[in-house]
Amino acid sequence: MEWTDEGVVLGVRRHGETHVLAELMTAQHGRHLGLVRGGTSSKLRPVLQPGNSVRAVWRARLDQHLGAFAIEGMQLRAEKLMLSATASYGIQTLAALLRLLPERDPHHDLYLALLEIADRLDDTDLAAALIVRFELMLLAELGFGLDLSECAGTGKAEDLVYVSPKSGRAVSREAGEPWKDQLLALPAFLIGEADHSAADVVAGFALTGFFLARHVFEPRGLAAPEARAALIATVTRGAIAA
């Protein structure tokens, strides 16, 4: 068995004296693990850093085997990402979220979103907003997508400012007013508006975090990623400062 694909490095762990197990999010083959022989070498170590884009050739005798990667660097972002705590938290958060997907299950749209975010992780405000959108995409890919297209009560698409925690559907300002204390805030940047504040992004993380906890983390007995909490804390400090 053999295939060639491009991917983003999510993480590595040592395997013996000189080898590593590399975890990639690939364009066509999903989140995939493979052995990289000599992965601890001075040549490969800088390539096998989270956030880097690589070209990978995977080989195995049978499809269900772990297999081995031959890795070539394409776009090495890691050095720049390590200069920013926010960027570091961001790539760690994305890797943790992608580990919620079954291994080897293709998710090309998530891969493209990951690439877009990886190229913008040094822009804290933009990257954080993109990660919120990424979490919405992930919920949809896992079968728990939110319906933010129209008001659950009136069917209208205007002035949507809330989300029902029960149905995951949008609610307009007028329809939600009597129950606003029981509803989740819907930041406008999640339904088309380009502009957003740090406070909007924090509200976005609260929204996606609620449904991730309900549908994904809690049923699996998992806690939310620590890196995600650290990223939100960084954005929150920016909201307070503003």
Protein backbone atom coordinates (compact mmCIF):
# COMPACT_ATOMS: atom_id res chain seq x y z
CA MET A 1 0.00 0.00 0.00
CA GLU A 2 1.28 3.46 -0.84
CA TRP A 3 -0.09 6.97 -1.21
CA THR A 4 1.25 10.51 -1.42
CA ASP A 5 -0.50 13.48 0.14
CA GLU A 6 0.13 16.85 1.72
CA GLY A 7 -0.54 17.47 5.37
CA VAL A 8 -0.03 19.63 8.43
CA VAL A 9 1.96 18.27 11.36
CA LEU A 10 -0.20 18.00 14.49
CA GLY A 11 2.34 16.37 16.77
CA VAL A 12 5.09 13.78 17.16
CA ARG A 13 6.19 11.42 19.88
CA ARG A 14 9.45 9.56 20.21
CA HIS A 15 9.52 5.90 19.16
CA GLY A 16 12.78 4.26 20.10
CA GLU A 17 16.14 5.97 19.93
CA THR A 18 15.96 7.63 16.54
CA HIS A 19 12.42 7.27 15.22
CA VAL A 20 9.17 9.16 15.90
CA LEU A 21 5.47 8.60 15.39
CA ALA A 22 4.16 11.55 13.41
CA GLU A 23 0.54 12.66 13.41
CA LEU A 24 -0.60 14.59 10.33
CA MET A 25 -3.86 16.12 9.20
CA THR A 26 -3.77 15.29 5.51
CA ALA A 27 -5.76 16.68 2.60
CA GLN A 28 -7.19 13.39 1.34
CA HIS A 29 -6.56 10.80 4.06
CA GLY A 30 -7.68 12.61 7.21
CA ARG A 31 -5.80 12.51 10.48
CA HIS A 32 -3.14 9.89 9.98
CA LEU A 33 -0.29 8.43 12.03
CA GLY A 34 2.91 6.92 10.69
CA LEU A 35 6.43 6.03 11.71
CA VAL A 36 9.18 8.39 10.56
CA ARG A 37 12.53 6.64 10.62
CA GLY A 38 15.30 8.98 11.73
CA GLY A 39 12.70 11.53 12.81
CA THR A 40 14.91 12.77 15.65
CA SER A 41 17.70 13.76 13.26
CA SER A 42 18.84 17.35 12.86
CA LYS A 43 17.45 17.26 9.30
CA LEU A 44 13.92 16.06 10.12
CA ARG A 45 13.37 17.46 13.60
CA PRO A 46 12.77 21.06 12.39
CA VAL A 47 10.36 19.76 9.72
CA LEU A 48 8.31 17.64 12.14
CA GLN A 49 7.06 20.56 14.21
CA PRO A 50 3.36 21.32 14.78
CA GLY A 51 1.97 23.73 12.22
CA ASN A 52 4.39 22.86 9.41
CA SER A 53 3.05 21.75 6.04
CA VAL A 54 4.73 18.67 4.59
CA ARG A 55 4.58 16.30 1.67
CA ALA A 56 4.16 12.75 2.94
CA VAL A 57 4.55 9.39 1.25
CA TRP A 58 2.93 6.64 3.33
CA ARG A 59 3.81 2.99 2.83
CA ALA A 60 2.61 -0.17 4.54
CA ARG A 61 2.20 -3.82 3.63
CA LEU A 62 -1.50 -3.71 4.52
CA ASP A 63 -3.89 -0.79 4.74
CA GLN A 64 -4.67 -1.42 8.43
CA HIS A 65 -0.99 -1.33 9.45
CA LEU A 66 0.60 1.71 11.10
CA GLY A 67 2.92 2.20 8.14
CA ALA A 68 5.81 4.59 7.66
CA PHE A 69 6.04 8.14 6.36
CA ALA A 70 8.71 9.62 4.14
CA ILE A 71 8.47 13.34 4.92
CA GLU A 72 9.53 16.41 2.98
CA GLY A 73 9.00 19.96 4.25
CA MET A 74 6.79 22.31 2.22
CA GLN A 75 5.96 25.34 4.37
CA LEU A 76 7.74 25.59 7.70
CA ARG A 77 5.69 27.85 9.98
CA ALA A 78 6.75 26.44 13.35
CA GLU A 79 9.59 28.87 14.07
CA LYS A 80 7.27 31.84 13.60
CA LEU A 81 4.49 30.20 15.63
CA MET A 82 6.82 29.59 18.56
CA LEU A 83 7.41 33.34 18.88
CA SER A 84 3.78 33.89 19.97
CA ALA A 85 2.08 32.23 22.93
CA THR A 86 -1.27 32.77 21.24
CA ALA A 87 -0.09 31.04 18.05
CA SER A 88 1.30 28.16 20.10
CA TYR A 89 -1.98 27.77 21.99
CA GLY A 90 -3.83 28.02 18.69
CA ILE A 91 -2.04 25.17 16.93
CA GLN A 92 -2.27 23.01 20.06
CA THR A 93 -6.00 23.70 20.24
CA LEU A 94 -6.52 22.80 16.59
CA ALA A 95 -4.56 19.56 17.01
CA ALA A 96 -6.62 18.59 20.07
CA LEU A 97 -9.88 19.31 18.24
CA LEU A 98 -8.84 17.27 15.21
CA ARG A 99 -8.08 14.31 17.49
CA LEU A 100 -11.83 14.15 18.11
CA LEU A 101 -12.18 12.84 14.55
CA PRO A 102 -11.73 9.16 13.70
CA GLU A 103 -8.27 8.42 12.39
CA ARG A 104 -8.02 8.10 8.59
CA ASP A 105 -11.47 9.63 8.04
CA PRO A 106 -11.14 12.28 5.28
CA HIS A 107 -12.32 15.81 6.12
CA HIS A 108 -11.03 17.97 3.29
CA ASP A 109 -12.91 21.13 4.30
CA LEU A 110 -11.44 20.97 7.79
CA TYR A 111 -8.00 20.51 6.27
CA LEU A 112 -8.45 23.64 4.16
CA ALA A 113 -9.68 25.56 7.22
CA LEU A 114 -6.65 24.35 9.17
CA LEU A 115 -4.33 25.66 6.45
CA GLU A 116 -6.05 29.05 6.46
CA ILE A 117 -5.72 29.38 10.22
CA ALA A 118 -2.12 28.13 10.31
CA ASP A 119 -1.12 30.91 7.92
CA ARG A 120 -2.76 33.53 10.17
CA LEU A 121 -1.90 32.35 13.68
CA ASP A 122 0.37 35.34 14.21
CA ASP A 123 -2.71 37.59 13.96
CA THR A 124 -4.35 36.92 17.33
CA ASP A 125 -7.75 38.51 16.70
CA LEU A 126 -8.24 37.01 13.26
CA ALA A 127 -6.90 33.57 14.16
CA ALA A 128 -9.09 33.28 17.25
CA ALA A 129 -12.20 34.17 15.25
CA LEU A 130 -11.25 31.59 12.61
CA ILE A 131 -10.81 28.94 15.31
CA VAL A 132 -14.36 29.62 16.56
CA ARG A 133 -15.61 29.08 13.01
CA PHE A 134 -13.46 25.93 12.83
CA GLU A 135 -15.21 24.61 15.94
CA LEU A 136 -18.59 25.19 14.28
CA MET A 137 -17.36 23.23 11.25
CA LEU A 138 -16.08 20.45 13.49
CA LEU A 139 -19.45 20.17 15.26
CA ALA A 140 -21.13 19.83 11.87
CA GLU A 141 -18.62 17.19 10.71
CA LEU A 142 -19.33 15.21 13.89
CA GLY A 143 -23.07 15.39 13.26
CA PHE A 144 -23.94 18.14 15.73
CA GLY A 145 -24.14 21.18 13.47
CA LEU A 146 -25.94 24.32 14.59
CA ASP A 147 -28.65 25.92 12.45
CA LEU A 148 -27.85 29.64 12.34
CA SER A 149 -29.72 30.39 9.12
CA GLU A 150 -33.06 31.62 10.53
CA CYS A 151 -34.97 32.20 13.75
CA ALA A 152 -36.33 29.03 15.31
CA GLY A 153 -39.46 30.87 16.39
CA THR A 154 -40.33 33.12 13.44
CA GLY A 155 -38.46 31.66 10.48
CA LYS A 156 -36.98 35.07 9.71
CA ALA A 157 -33.29 35.55 8.91
CA GLU A 158 -32.93 39.09 10.29
CA ASP A 159 -31.51 40.29 13.63
CA LEU A 160 -30.37 36.88 14.83
CA VAL A 161 -28.60 37.43 18.16
CA TYR A 162 -29.22 34.28 20.23
CA VAL A 163 -28.93 30.49 19.98
CA SER A 164 -31.21 28.08 21.79
CA PRO A 165 -29.16 25.76 24.02
CA LYS A 166 -31.82 23.08 23.55
CA SER A 167 -32.15 23.00 19.77
CA GLY A 168 -28.92 24.63 18.59
CA ARG A 169 -30.97 26.96 16.38
CA ALA A 170 -30.71 30.72 16.01
CA VAL A 171 -33.25 33.02 17.67
CA SER A 172 -34.01 36.63 16.75
CA ARG A 173 -33.75 39.51 19.19
CA GLU A 174 -37.52 40.01 19.30
CA ALA A 175 -38.43 36.34 19.66
CA GLY A 176 -35.74 35.70 22.26
CA GLU A 177 -36.29 38.78 24.44
CA PRO A 178 -38.55 37.04 27.02
CA TRP A 179 -36.01 34.21 27.46
CA LYS A 180 -32.74 36.02 26.77
CA ASP A 181 -31.20 34.99 30.10
CA GLN A 182 -31.62 31.34 29.10
CA LEU A 183 -30.19 31.73 25.58
CA LEU A 184 -26.63 31.76 24.28
CA ALA A 185 -25.23 34.84 22.55
CA LEU A 186 -24.74 34.61 18.78
CA PRO A 187 -21.90 36.92 17.67
CA ALA A 188 -22.59 38.56 14.31
CA PHE A 189 -19.25 37.45 12.82
CA LEU A 190 -20.55 33.86 12.81
CA ILE A 191 -23.41 34.72 10.47
CA GLY A 192 -21.73 36.87 7.87
CA GLU A 193 -20.42 40.12 9.37
CA ALA A 194 -16.69 40.55 8.85
CA ASP A 195 -15.97 42.84 11.79
CA HIS A 196 -15.65 41.48 15.30
CA SER A 197 -14.29 42.50 18.68
CA ALA A 198 -12.37 40.41 21.20
CA ALA A 199 -15.58 40.25 23.25
CA ASP A 200 -17.39 38.80 20.21
CA VAL A 201 -14.74 36.10 19.89
CA VAL A 202 -15.01 35.21 23.58
CA ALA A 203 -18.80 34.91 23.15
CA GLY A 204 -18.19 32.71 20.12
CA PHE A 205 -15.97 30.38 22.12
CA ALA A 206 -18.66 30.21 24.82
CA LEU A 207 -21.20 29.18 22.18
CA THR A 208 -19.11 26.48 20.55
CA GLY A 209 -17.74 25.35 23.90
CA PHE A 210 -21.27 24.72 25.21
CA PHE A 211 -22.14 22.37 22.35
CA LEU A 212 -18.71 20.72 22.25
CA ALA A 213 -19.06 19.94 25.95
CA ARG A 214 -22.60 18.61 25.58
CA HIS A 215 -22.17 16.53 22.46
CA VAL A 216 -18.48 15.62 22.34
CA PHE A 217 -16.37 16.08 25.46
CA GLU A 218 -18.80 14.96 28.18
CA PRO A 219 -20.14 11.87 26.36
CA ARG A 220 -16.55 10.73 25.80
CA GLY A 221 -15.48 11.51 29.35
CA LEU A 222 -13.06 14.17 28.12
CA ALA A 223 -12.16 17.62 29.36
CA ALA A 224 -11.84 20.57 27.01
CA PRO A 225 -8.23 21.03 25.83
CA GLU A 226 -6.06 23.05 28.23
CA ALA A 227 -4.60 24.93 25.26
CA ARG A 228 -8.11 26.05 24.30
CA ALA A 229 -8.66 27.52 27.79
CA ALA A 230 -5.29 29.29 27.56
CA LEU A 231 -6.18 30.70 24.13
CA ILE A 232 -9.54 31.98 25.40
CA ALA A 233 -7.81 33.56 28.41
CA THR A 234 -5.50 35.45 26.06
CA VAL A 235 -8.42 36.71 23.99
CA THR A 236 -10.35 37.60 27.17
CA ARG A 237 -7.47 39.78 28.35
CA GLY A 238 -7.68 41.58 25.04
CA ALA A 239 -11.43 42.08 25.50
CA ILE A 240 -10.91 43.52 28.98
CA ALA A 241 -8.15 45.82 27.78
CA ALA A 242 -10.42 47.11 25.01
